[in-house]
Amino acid sequence: MLHPFLLELQRGGAQTSSGGALGGLIALGIVLTVFIAAWKVFVKADKPGWAIFVPFYNAYVMLKIVGRPGWWLILFIIPLVNVVISAIVYIDLAKSFGKGVGFGLGLLFLNPIFISILGYGAAEYIGPAAARTT
């Protein structure tokens, strides 16, 4: 016979695991939503949507969408430099879709929300922002 405290722990564990399953399903839904939104962003920019699933290649394609050189991919692996480069790329991405710097910072700090707005919204790709500014 189990001690009442152990029985209570057992019951609480079952509740936690079902809550964990629900949380896992919610997280999976969010991840799928973000992947589909990013796919749509790539397609709007006339790039292959499947590229979002290929590590490093997706960053390379993103650099091409915003008009930055492919060698910038190397800068993504340098600590601290990658944060600055990410900010530049996200601001360029926002500008490439006719949005402002604030939207680019939203892409940097609240990416799932802002990439969904970009992918599912009416924003249209107007060309690489970096090519227009340099």
Foldseek 3Di string as FASTA:
>chain_A
DDDPVVVVVVVVVVVVVVVVVVVVVVVVVLVVLLLQLQLLLCVLLVHHSVLSVDPLSVVQSLCVQQVHDSVCSVLCVDPPSVLVVQLVSLQSSQVQQVHHSVLSVCCSPVVSVSSSCSRVHPGGGPGHSVVVPD
